[in-house]
Structure formats: C-alpha cells, structure tokens
Amino acid sequence: MGTVPWCPACRWNLEVYDVALAPWRGTRMIGRWGFRRGLKLDRSTHEQLLADPQGRDAGASTGEVWLSAVSVVLALLGLAALGDLGWLVVASDLSPGIRLVLAIPAVLVLLLVKPSFGRVPRHGLITEGAAPELHRLVREVAEAAGTPVPDVICADLSINAAVARLGWRQRSVLVIGVPLWVMLPRAARVSVLAHELGHLANGDPLRVRWTLPARTFGARAVAATGGRNPWRRALGTADALADRQSGLIVLLGMAVHATIALVNVVGATVQLLVDSVAMPDSRRAEYRADLVARRVAGTAPFLRSSETVLLADRIWRDLWHLAPRIDGEQLEELAAEARQRLAVQLPLARQVSRRATDLWSTHPSEDQRMRLIEALPDVDGALRVDDARWAAIDTELKPWRRAAHDALLGTRDRF
C-alpha cells in the first residue's frame, strides 16, 4: 500500500511523504511541505491540548483575525461592485455597449464574493413528533456538552455526521448520516453526537460563517474558470480551434483561454494560501470537539467511533454484497459482525490515515485524533443510555434504515 514502505510493527519510516496516499496539491514539493507541516501542527496541538484537556479557547487566533480582515475587504469590494452596477443603471450619458462592458467586471466580482448562507434541508427532517426519544437523547447530549440544542435535526444517506448554521436566521442543523449511524456501536453514537454538538459549544460553525468570503473566494474563481487542469484544457481548446479556424480567431481564442487558465491558477494559489491559514484552526476545532466527545461519552466509545470511521467504507462494501439477501432491520447486526471481522485491519488503517496527513485537510487523521484521546486518562463519560431507549430510537429510525438498505440496492443497480 503506497509507494514508500514502512514497518507496521515499529512504525519505522511511517512519517514520510507518500504521493500515493497524501492528497495531491499540484506538485510533490508542495505536497511534501504540507505533509511535514501538518505533522508538526498536530504535534504542537497535542502538546497544547494535553496541557489543557478541557480544550478552552484562548480567543481568536492570528489566522482567524487575518481571515476576518480579508472577509471584510471582500465584503466592501462586493458593495463597491453593487454600487457600480447601480450607477450604471442611472448613468444615462453612457451608451448601452459601454455600460455592458463596465458591468461585466462588477458582475464577476459579485459572483465571487456574494454571501452564501446555505439552506436548511427541506427533506430528511426528523421532527420531535416522529422521533421523541432521539430528540430527548440529543437534548441530553447538548446539556452534557454545554451547548444549546440544535434547532433542526435531519438525516441523510451519507457515511458522515455534521453540524452547521444555515439560512438567513443561521439556525443550527444537526445532520445524522444513517449509514454511519447503523455501523456505530450504540455507545459510540453518543460520542459522534457529542463531537458534532461540541462544534456548537466551541462556536465553530459561526466562526466559519463569518470568515466564509475569504475561505471560498479562491475556490469560486477556480470553479468559475473550469476547475482543475486549466492549462491542459486551454491547450485542448486551442487545438480544437486550430482544426476549425485560422488566423486571428485562433490567436484570440488562445489569448482568451490562456487568460482564463491564468485566473484559474491565481485562484487556486489564493485558495491554497487561504487554506494554509484557515485549516490549522479547523483541525484544532476537531481536536477540541473530540475532547467534548470524550467528556460526554467516555474514552472507549470515542475510540470505537473512530475505529468505525476508519473501517466504514469496508463495512459498507460488505453490506453492499449482502444487500439483496437482507432487509433494513438486519443492517445494524450485520454491520457489527463486519466491524468485528475487520478489526484486525485497524492498526494498518490507522497508520495509512497518518500517511494521509495534510496541512490543508479540514480534519486531522483518525490516528492522530485517537492518539490524543489515548494519551489522556480513561474516563467513563457523563451520559449513559440503556438498551430500552436505544430500542425505542431504533424503532423511530426504522424508515431511515429501510432507506439506507434501498440505497445499497440502488447502488448495486448501477454496476
């Protein structure tokens, strides 16, 4: 696995950049630097949090201050572009052609800096009337974590869980990925809920929302100019033009596409620089949310949740093979069997995740997160849920387990 060997037993050569496992960042030099910087950042964050396991926030970081400043500048730039468009509407002494030419840059600026509040999901909502025990559990986790109860709880079919603030009112939304939920041991589900609500306790979604213009400006520029491989795309377009046209048209086409490719590269570079500032705070936020999960659910449930995340794709693949012969009610039992059978792969899976360390990733590797919790004293957690309540919650989520099973069958239909 990978291109650079290491010793799984003694971890010799483990912390070495491997282009086959680390995220690709344009060049090997940049990827190698990001790998080393990510490892260094994780070590320093471990030292800080081990010295203060409560994970208290020391206030806004330097990176957050810079991102806030850039976001303010971009917001002012957007207001200036909006004012320019308003002036062009009332400027009667300019010809329509000149107005159009002057309006194009303003429109482009607005598209790049426009605010994005997201939308509260309309589908997958889990109301308290439909799932009172689940809502009760979330309230108890929120109380133990010291955070307000989420305004909205919804489910989807991703192998994930998330929390965000969405809409004009910035309502807090907890999203439970049902496939991940059925794979998790029951106590580990409390850990996942506590981790996500820990982000609310630490103010992470709101912090990200305030700095979103700076975080997304470069990515929007890249998306608007065609995405990855801009020079390959520009050369391909030039070849196509040369086959059909000649002379000035080819030169103009090459100039336009070269300009677009240049803007793409500048946008990607800007995004990389922004992420260099933003992602250390994002990774630190994940560690702090992990500490909340440890406090609420306990050490062992947190570690089981991380192990399940490491094996999730393999477990889902096993369920994919079994899907035609089972129903939704058997998913949890068969996922537990697969988790136990695949447990022998956990040590290597942890090490592989460490090889994928990257400065620009939003999350630290699962191995790094587990090592932090393992370095702290074992705790039992503040919240316990008995089997009767879990059975009631399972009954409430029965339609979603059926939907997860249908998704497995639907995936099979595409192969």
Protein backbone atom coordinates (compact mmCIF):
# COMPACT_ATOMS: atom_id res chain seq x y z
CA MET A 1 0.00 0.00 0.00
CA GLY A 2 1.52 3.30 -1.06
CA THR A 3 4.88 3.73 -2.76
CA VAL A 4 7.15 4.35 0.26
CA PRO A 5 7.47 1.30 2.56
CA TRP A 6 7.29 1.47 6.36
CA CYS A 7 7.31 -1.01 9.22
CA PRO A 8 3.80 -1.51 10.67
CA ALA A 9 5.25 -3.03 13.86
CA CYS A 10 7.77 -0.35 14.86
CA ARG A 11 6.44 2.49 12.66
CA TRP A 12 9.84 2.97 11.04
CA ASN A 13 9.59 5.32 8.06
CA LEU A 14 5.88 5.93 8.72
CA GLU A 15 6.09 9.72 8.87
CA VAL A 16 7.42 10.06 5.32
CA TYR A 17 5.56 11.76 2.49
CA ASP A 18 3.95 9.27 0.11
CA VAL A 19 2.46 10.75 -3.05
CA ALA A 20 0.19 7.69 -3.42
CA LEU A 21 -1.55 8.27 -0.08
CA ALA A 22 -1.29 12.01 0.62
CA PRO A 23 -3.74 14.40 -1.09
CA TRP A 24 -2.37 15.78 -4.36
CA ARG A 25 -1.62 19.51 -4.15
CA GLY A 26 -0.34 20.30 -7.61
CA THR A 27 3.32 19.38 -7.15
CA ARG A 28 5.22 16.89 -4.99
CA MET A 29 7.19 19.71 -3.39
CA ILE A 30 4.02 21.44 -2.15
CA GLY A 31 2.51 18.12 -1.06
CA ARG A 32 5.64 17.14 0.86
CA TRP A 33 5.75 20.52 2.60
CA GLY A 34 2.05 20.26 3.51
CA PHE A 35 2.60 16.74 4.90
CA ARG A 36 5.51 17.81 7.11
CA ARG A 37 3.76 20.99 8.21
CA GLY A 38 0.63 19.02 9.06
CA LEU A 39 2.60 16.59 11.24
CA LYS A 40 4.31 19.47 13.02
CA LEU A 41 0.99 21.23 13.58
CA ASP A 42 -0.60 18.07 15.00
CA ARG A 43 2.30 17.59 17.44
CA SER A 44 2.08 21.16 18.72
CA THR A 45 -1.72 20.92 19.04
CA HIS A 46 -1.37 17.67 21.00
CA GLU A 47 1.03 19.34 23.41
CA GLN A 48 -1.32 22.28 23.95
CA LEU A 49 -4.42 20.15 24.50
CA LEU A 50 -2.69 17.60 26.71
CA ALA A 51 -1.65 20.50 28.92
CA ASP A 52 -5.28 21.74 28.93
CA PRO A 53 -7.63 18.75 28.34
CA GLN A 54 -10.67 20.96 28.79
CA GLY A 55 -9.75 22.47 25.44
CA ARG A 56 -10.54 26.02 26.49
CA ASP A 57 -10.42 28.50 23.64
CA ALA A 58 -7.73 31.13 24.07
CA GLY A 59 -9.62 33.55 21.79
CA ALA A 60 -9.30 34.40 18.14
CA SER A 61 -6.15 33.04 16.52
CA THR A 62 -3.91 35.05 14.22
CA GLY A 63 -5.27 33.11 11.25
CA GLU A 64 -8.85 33.87 12.23
CA VAL A 65 -8.05 37.58 12.54
CA TRP A 66 -6.50 37.60 9.08
CA LEU A 67 -9.43 35.72 7.56
CA SER A 68 -11.87 38.13 9.18
CA ALA A 69 -9.96 41.11 7.80
CA VAL A 70 -9.87 39.64 4.30
CA SER A 71 -13.59 38.84 4.52
CA VAL A 72 -14.34 42.46 5.42
CA VAL A 73 -12.28 43.69 2.46
CA LEU A 74 -14.09 41.29 0.11
CA ALA A 75 -17.46 42.38 1.50
CA LEU A 76 -16.55 46.03 0.85
CA LEU A 77 -15.42 45.06 -2.65
CA GLY A 78 -18.80 43.44 -3.23
CA LEU A 79 -20.61 46.57 -2.01
CA ALA A 80 -18.47 48.68 -4.37
CA ALA A 81 -19.36 46.38 -7.27
CA LEU A 82 -23.04 46.63 -6.35
CA GLY A 83 -22.76 50.42 -6.22
CA ASP A 84 -21.05 50.40 -9.62
CA LEU A 85 -23.94 48.44 -11.12
CA GLY A 86 -26.43 50.85 -9.59
CA TRP A 87 -24.54 53.81 -11.06
CA LEU A 88 -24.51 52.17 -14.50
CA VAL A 89 -28.28 51.79 -14.37
CA VAL A 90 -28.83 55.52 -13.83
CA ALA A 91 -25.91 56.75 -15.97
CA SER A 92 -27.93 58.00 -18.93
CA ASP A 93 -24.98 59.61 -20.68
CA LEU A 94 -23.28 56.24 -21.41
CA SER A 95 -24.12 54.08 -24.38
CA PRO A 96 -25.55 50.58 -23.74
CA GLY A 97 -22.38 48.97 -25.09
CA ILE A 98 -20.13 50.86 -22.66
CA ARG A 99 -22.49 50.07 -19.78
CA LEU A 100 -22.30 46.39 -20.62
CA VAL A 101 -18.50 46.40 -20.77
CA LEU A 102 -18.27 48.20 -17.42
CA ALA A 103 -20.91 45.95 -15.85
CA ILE A 104 -19.15 42.66 -16.64
CA PRO A 105 -16.28 43.09 -14.11
CA ALA A 106 -18.73 44.18 -11.40
CA VAL A 107 -20.93 41.15 -12.01
CA LEU A 108 -17.91 38.84 -11.87
CA VAL A 109 -16.81 40.38 -8.57
CA LEU A 110 -20.30 39.92 -7.12
CA LEU A 111 -20.36 36.27 -8.18
CA LEU A 112 -17.03 35.68 -6.41
CA VAL A 113 -17.83 37.48 -3.14
CA LYS A 114 -21.61 37.08 -2.78
CA PRO A 115 -22.63 35.83 0.67
CA SER A 116 -23.71 32.22 1.00
CA PHE A 117 -25.91 31.36 3.96
CA GLY A 118 -26.82 27.85 2.85
CA ARG A 119 -30.29 26.38 3.14
CA VAL A 120 -31.89 24.41 5.91
CA PRO A 121 -32.68 21.00 4.38
CA ARG A 122 -36.28 20.52 3.36
CA HIS A 123 -36.01 16.76 3.11
CA GLY A 124 -34.89 14.30 5.74
CA LEU A 125 -36.18 16.36 8.67
CA ILE A 126 -36.62 14.34 11.85
CA THR A 127 -39.26 16.10 13.91
CA GLU A 128 -39.73 15.59 17.62
CA GLY A 129 -43.17 14.18 16.95
CA ALA A 130 -41.70 11.46 14.74
CA ALA A 131 -38.70 10.69 16.97
CA PRO A 132 -39.21 11.88 20.55
CA GLU A 133 -36.55 9.58 22.03
CA LEU A 134 -33.92 10.69 19.53
CA HIS A 135 -34.68 14.34 20.31
CA ARG A 136 -34.51 13.56 24.01
CA LEU A 137 -31.09 11.98 23.53
CA VAL A 138 -29.81 14.98 21.56
CA ARG A 139 -31.06 17.31 24.31
CA GLU A 140 -29.21 15.29 26.93
CA VAL A 141 -26.01 15.27 24.88
CA ALA A 142 -26.32 19.03 24.34
CA GLU A 143 -26.79 19.59 28.06
CA ALA A 144 -23.76 17.45 28.90
CA ALA A 145 -21.70 19.22 26.24
CA GLY A 146 -22.77 22.65 27.44
CA THR A 147 -24.32 23.76 24.16
CA PRO A 148 -27.79 24.83 23.00
CA VAL A 149 -29.98 22.14 21.47
CA PRO A 150 -29.83 22.15 17.65
CA ASP A 151 -32.75 23.92 16.00
CA VAL A 152 -33.13 21.21 13.36
CA ILE A 153 -32.26 17.51 13.24
CA CYS A 154 -32.24 15.78 9.89
CA ALA A 155 -30.95 12.57 8.37
CA ASP A 156 -29.30 11.74 5.08
CA LEU A 157 -27.68 8.72 3.42
CA SER A 158 -24.04 9.77 3.78
CA ILE A 159 -21.41 7.93 5.80
CA ASN A 160 -20.95 11.01 7.93
CA ALA A 161 -22.39 13.30 10.57
CA ALA A 162 -22.21 17.07 10.61
CA VAL A 163 -23.41 20.27 12.23
CA ALA A 164 -23.79 23.68 10.61
CA ARG A 165 -25.54 27.01 10.85
CA LEU A 166 -27.72 27.58 7.80
CA GLY A 167 -30.19 30.05 6.37
CA TRP A 168 -30.71 33.77 6.97
CA ARG A 169 -31.52 33.06 10.60
CA GLN A 170 -28.37 30.93 10.99
CA ARG A 171 -30.27 28.04 12.55
CA SER A 172 -28.15 25.21 13.93
CA VAL A 173 -28.67 21.98 11.97
CA LEU A 174 -27.52 18.53 13.08
CA VAL A 175 -27.23 16.04 10.22
CA ILE A 176 -27.07 12.33 11.02
CA GLY A 177 -25.80 10.06 8.27
CA VAL A 178 -27.88 6.92 8.68
CA PRO A 179 -25.30 4.54 7.12
CA LEU A 180 -22.71 5.68 9.69
CA TRP A 181 -25.32 5.53 12.46
CA VAL A 182 -26.16 1.85 11.82
CA MET A 183 -22.44 0.93 11.66
CA LEU A 184 -21.62 2.52 15.01
CA PRO A 185 -21.82 0.65 18.32
CA ARG A 186 -24.60 2.22 20.35
CA ALA A 187 -22.36 3.96 22.89
CA ALA A 188 -20.22 5.31 20.04
CA ARG A 189 -23.30 7.05 18.64
CA VAL A 190 -23.34 9.25 21.75
CA SER A 191 -19.70 10.08 21.06
CA VAL A 192 -20.47 11.14 17.48
CA LEU A 193 -23.39 13.30 18.63
CA ALA A 194 -21.23 14.87 21.34
CA HIS A 195 -18.45 15.58 18.85
CA GLU A 196 -20.81 17.37 16.46
CA LEU A 197 -22.51 19.35 19.23
CA GLY A 198 -19.05 20.12 20.60
CA HIS A 199 -18.55 22.25 17.50
CA LEU A 200 -21.58 24.30 18.57
CA ALA A 201 -20.22 24.56 22.11
CA ASN A 202 -16.95 25.89 20.74
CA GLY A 203 -18.67 28.25 18.27
CA ASP A 204 -17.01 26.65 15.23
CA PRO A 205 -19.86 26.91 12.66
CA LEU A 206 -20.42 30.61 13.43
CA ARG A 207 -16.69 31.29 13.24
CA VAL A 208 -16.52 29.64 9.83
CA ARG A 209 -19.59 31.56 8.62
CA TRP A 210 -18.07 34.95 9.48
CA THR A 211 -14.92 34.18 7.51
CA LEU A 212 -16.61 32.34 4.63
CA PRO A 213 -15.93 35.03 1.95
CA ALA A 214 -12.18 34.67 2.46
CA ARG A 215 -12.41 30.88 2.68
CA THR A 216 -14.31 30.46 -0.60
CA PHE A 217 -13.07 33.30 -2.83
CA GLY A 218 -10.28 31.31 -4.49
CA ALA A 219 -12.36 28.14 -4.84
CA ARG A 220 -15.15 30.08 -6.55
CA ALA A 221 -12.63 31.55 -9.00
CA VAL A 222 -11.34 28.05 -9.80
CA ALA A 223 -14.86 26.69 -10.27
CA ALA A 224 -15.88 29.64 -12.45
CA THR A 225 -12.90 29.07 -14.76
CA GLY A 226 -13.43 25.36 -15.28
CA GLY A 227 -11.90 23.56 -12.31
CA ARG A 228 -8.70 21.55 -12.33
CA ASN A 229 -6.12 21.19 -15.14
CA PRO A 230 -6.64 24.66 -16.67
CA TRP A 231 -3.59 24.59 -18.97
CA ARG A 232 -4.47 21.17 -20.35
CA ARG A 233 -7.97 22.45 -21.05
CA ALA A 234 -6.61 25.63 -22.68
CA LEU A 235 -4.28 23.66 -24.96
CA GLY A 236 -7.07 21.27 -25.93
CA THR A 237 -9.34 24.18 -26.82
CA ALA A 238 -6.55 25.81 -28.85
CA ASP A 239 -6.04 22.60 -30.80
CA ALA A 240 -9.76 22.37 -31.49
CA LEU A 241 -9.83 25.98 -32.71
CA ALA A 242 -6.82 25.41 -34.95
CA ASP A 243 -8.59 22.49 -36.60
CA ARG A 244 -11.69 24.55 -37.42
CA GLN A 245 -10.45 28.13 -37.74
CA SER A 246 -7.33 30.06 -38.72
CA GLY A 247 -5.54 33.36 -38.29
CA LEU A 248 -6.81 36.00 -35.88
CA ILE A 249 -9.68 33.89 -34.49
CA VAL A 250 -7.24 31.22 -33.32
CA LEU A 251 -4.98 33.81 -31.70
CA LEU A 252 -7.90 35.50 -29.95
CA GLY A 253 -9.21 32.13 -28.73
CA MET A 254 -5.79 31.17 -27.40
CA ALA A 255 -5.46 34.51 -25.64
CA VAL A 256 -8.90 34.19 -24.01
CA HIS A 257 -8.33 30.64 -22.82
CA ALA A 258 -4.81 31.44 -21.62
CA THR A 259 -6.26 34.31 -19.58
CA ILE A 260 -8.90 32.01 -18.11
CA ALA A 261 -6.23 29.45 -17.23
CA LEU A 262 -4.13 32.16 -15.59
CA VAL A 263 -7.09 33.33 -13.50
CA ASN A 264 -7.69 29.69 -12.55
CA VAL A 265 -4.10 29.26 -11.38
CA VAL A 266 -4.21 32.53 -9.42
CA GLY A 267 -7.49 31.43 -7.78
CA ALA A 268 -6.04 28.04 -6.87
CA THR A 269 -2.93 29.70 -5.41
CA VAL A 270 -5.05 32.13 -3.40
CA GLN A 271 -7.17 29.25 -2.10
CA LEU A 272 -4.07 27.30 -1.11
CA LEU A 273 -2.73 30.30 0.80
CA VAL A 274 -6.09 30.89 2.50
CA ASP A 275 -6.35 27.23 3.47
CA SER A 276 -2.82 27.41 4.90
CA VAL A 277 -4.21 29.99 7.32
CA ALA A 278 -7.68 28.50 7.84
CA MET A 279 -7.08 24.77 8.16
CA PRO A 280 -4.90 24.81 11.30
CA ASP A 281 -7.84 26.37 13.15
CA SER A 282 -10.20 23.84 11.57
CA ARG A 283 -8.03 20.93 12.69
CA ARG A 284 -7.73 22.36 16.18
CA ALA A 285 -11.52 22.65 16.30
CA GLU A 286 -11.82 18.94 15.52
CA TYR A 287 -9.48 18.05 18.39
CA ARG A 288 -11.45 20.26 20.77
CA ALA A 289 -14.72 18.65 19.67
CA ASP A 290 -13.09 15.24 20.29
CA LEU A 291 -12.37 16.31 23.86
CA VAL A 292 -16.05 17.17 24.30
CA ALA A 293 -16.97 13.71 22.95
CA ARG A 294 -14.56 12.08 25.41
CA ARG A 295 -16.06 14.01 28.32
CA VAL A 296 -19.67 13.27 27.38
CA ALA A 297 -19.48 9.70 26.04
CA GLY A 298 -16.23 8.41 27.54
CA THR A 299 -12.86 7.30 26.21
CA ALA A 300 -13.83 3.84 24.95
CA PRO A 301 -16.93 4.97 22.98
CA PHE A 302 -14.89 7.71 21.33
CA LEU A 303 -12.22 5.22 20.24
CA ARG A 304 -14.89 2.82 18.94
CA SER A 305 -16.41 5.63 16.89
CA SER A 306 -13.02 6.48 15.35
CA GLU A 307 -12.38 2.81 14.58
CA THR A 308 -15.76 2.57 12.87
CA VAL A 309 -14.99 5.64 10.75
CA LEU A 310 -11.70 4.03 9.69
CA LEU A 311 -13.49 0.83 8.64
CA ALA A 312 -16.70 2.44 7.37
CA ASP A 313 -16.02 2.05 3.67
CA ARG A 314 -15.06 -1.60 4.11
CA ILE A 315 -18.13 -2.30 6.27
CA TRP A 316 -20.39 -0.61 3.73
CA ARG A 317 -18.82 -2.68 0.97
CA ASP A 318 -19.61 -5.85 2.91
CA LEU A 319 -23.20 -4.71 3.38
CA TRP A 320 -23.34 -3.93 -0.35
CA HIS A 321 -22.62 -7.58 -1.12
CA LEU A 322 -25.24 -8.76 1.38
CA ALA A 323 -27.95 -6.24 0.43
CA PRO A 324 -30.05 -8.49 -1.88
CA ARG A 325 -30.37 -11.15 0.85
CA ILE A 326 -31.21 -8.92 3.84
CA ASP A 327 -33.58 -6.14 4.86
CA GLY A 328 -33.09 -2.83 6.65
CA GLU A 329 -33.67 -4.35 10.09
CA GLN A 330 -30.56 -6.53 9.74
CA LEU A 331 -28.13 -3.73 8.85
CA GLU A 332 -27.04 -2.98 12.42
CA GLU A 333 -26.43 -6.63 13.32
CA LEU A 334 -24.51 -7.38 10.12
CA ALA A 335 -22.52 -4.15 10.39
CA ALA A 336 -21.44 -5.22 13.90
CA GLU A 337 -20.31 -8.59 12.55
CA ALA A 338 -18.36 -6.91 9.74
CA ARG A 339 -16.80 -4.46 12.20
CA GLN A 340 -15.62 -7.32 14.39
CA ARG A 341 -14.30 -9.30 11.43
CA LEU A 342 -12.41 -6.30 10.03
CA ALA A 343 -10.94 -5.24 13.37
CA VAL A 344 -7.69 -7.00 12.50
CA GLN A 345 -7.13 -4.31 9.84
CA LEU A 346 -7.37 -1.42 12.30
CA PRO A 347 -3.66 -0.99 13.12
CA LEU A 348 -2.74 -0.70 9.46
CA ALA A 349 -5.77 1.51 8.72
CA ARG A 350 -4.66 3.91 11.45
CA GLN A 351 -1.17 4.11 10.01
CA VAL A 352 -2.46 4.67 6.49
CA SER A 353 -4.59 7.54 7.76
CA ARG A 354 -1.45 9.04 9.29
CA ARG A 355 0.29 8.82 5.91
CA ALA A 356 -2.55 10.96 4.52
CA THR A 357 -1.75 13.85 6.89
CA ASP A 358 -2.00 17.17 5.10
CA LEU A 359 -1.89 20.80 6.22
CA TRP A 360 -4.84 21.71 4.01
CA SER A 361 -7.21 18.98 5.22
CA THR A 362 -10.11 20.13 7.40
CA HIS A 363 -9.66 17.14 9.75
CA PRO A 364 -6.59 15.57 11.34
CA SER A 365 -6.04 11.90 10.61
CA GLU A 366 -8.04 9.42 12.68
CA ASP A 367 -4.78 8.06 14.07
CA GLN A 368 -3.76 11.47 15.37
CA ARG A 369 -7.17 12.05 16.92
CA MET A 370 -7.13 8.66 18.61
CA ARG A 371 -3.59 9.16 19.89
CA LEU A 372 -4.64 12.37 21.63
CA ILE A 373 -7.51 10.67 23.47
CA GLU A 374 -5.37 7.61 24.26
CA ALA A 375 -2.74 9.87 25.84
CA LEU A 376 -5.31 11.16 28.35
CA PRO A 377 -6.64 9.20 31.36
CA ASP A 378 -9.61 6.93 30.60
CA VAL A 379 -12.97 8.40 31.59
CA ASP A 380 -16.41 6.80 31.70
CA GLY A 381 -18.32 9.75 30.30
CA ALA A 382 -21.18 11.76 31.70
CA LEU A 383 -24.04 10.15 29.77
CA ARG A 384 -25.34 6.60 29.63
CA VAL A 385 -28.23 5.30 27.54
CA ASP A 386 -29.86 1.96 28.34
CA ASP A 387 -30.85 -0.69 25.81
CA ALA A 388 -34.57 0.06 26.12
CA ARG A 389 -34.04 3.63 24.97
CA TRP A 390 -31.80 2.52 22.12
CA ALA A 391 -34.51 0.10 21.00
CA ALA A 392 -37.03 2.96 21.01
CA ILE A 393 -34.67 5.15 18.96
CA ASP A 394 -34.10 2.30 16.50
CA THR A 395 -37.85 1.97 16.07
CA GLU A 396 -38.12 5.71 15.35
CA LEU A 397 -35.38 5.46 12.71
CA LYS A 398 -36.78 2.33 11.07
CA PRO A 399 -37.85 4.18 7.88
CA TRP A 400 -34.32 5.53 7.54
CA ARG A 401 -32.74 2.10 7.93
CA ARG A 402 -35.04 0.94 5.16
CA ALA A 403 -33.90 3.92 3.06
CA ALA A 404 -30.25 3.01 3.69
CA HIS A 405 -30.95 -0.53 2.54
CA ASP A 406 -32.69 0.80 -0.56
CA ALA A 407 -29.63 2.95 -1.23
CA LEU A 408 -27.44 -0.14 -1.09
CA LEU A 409 -29.68 -1.89 -3.58
CA GLY A 410 -29.79 1.20 -5.80
CA THR A 411 -26.00 1.35 -5.83
CA ARG A 412 -25.87 -2.27 -6.95
CA ASP A 413 -28.15 -1.42 -9.85
CA ARG A 414 -25.50 0.93 -11.23
CA PHE A 415 -22.90 -1.84 -11.60
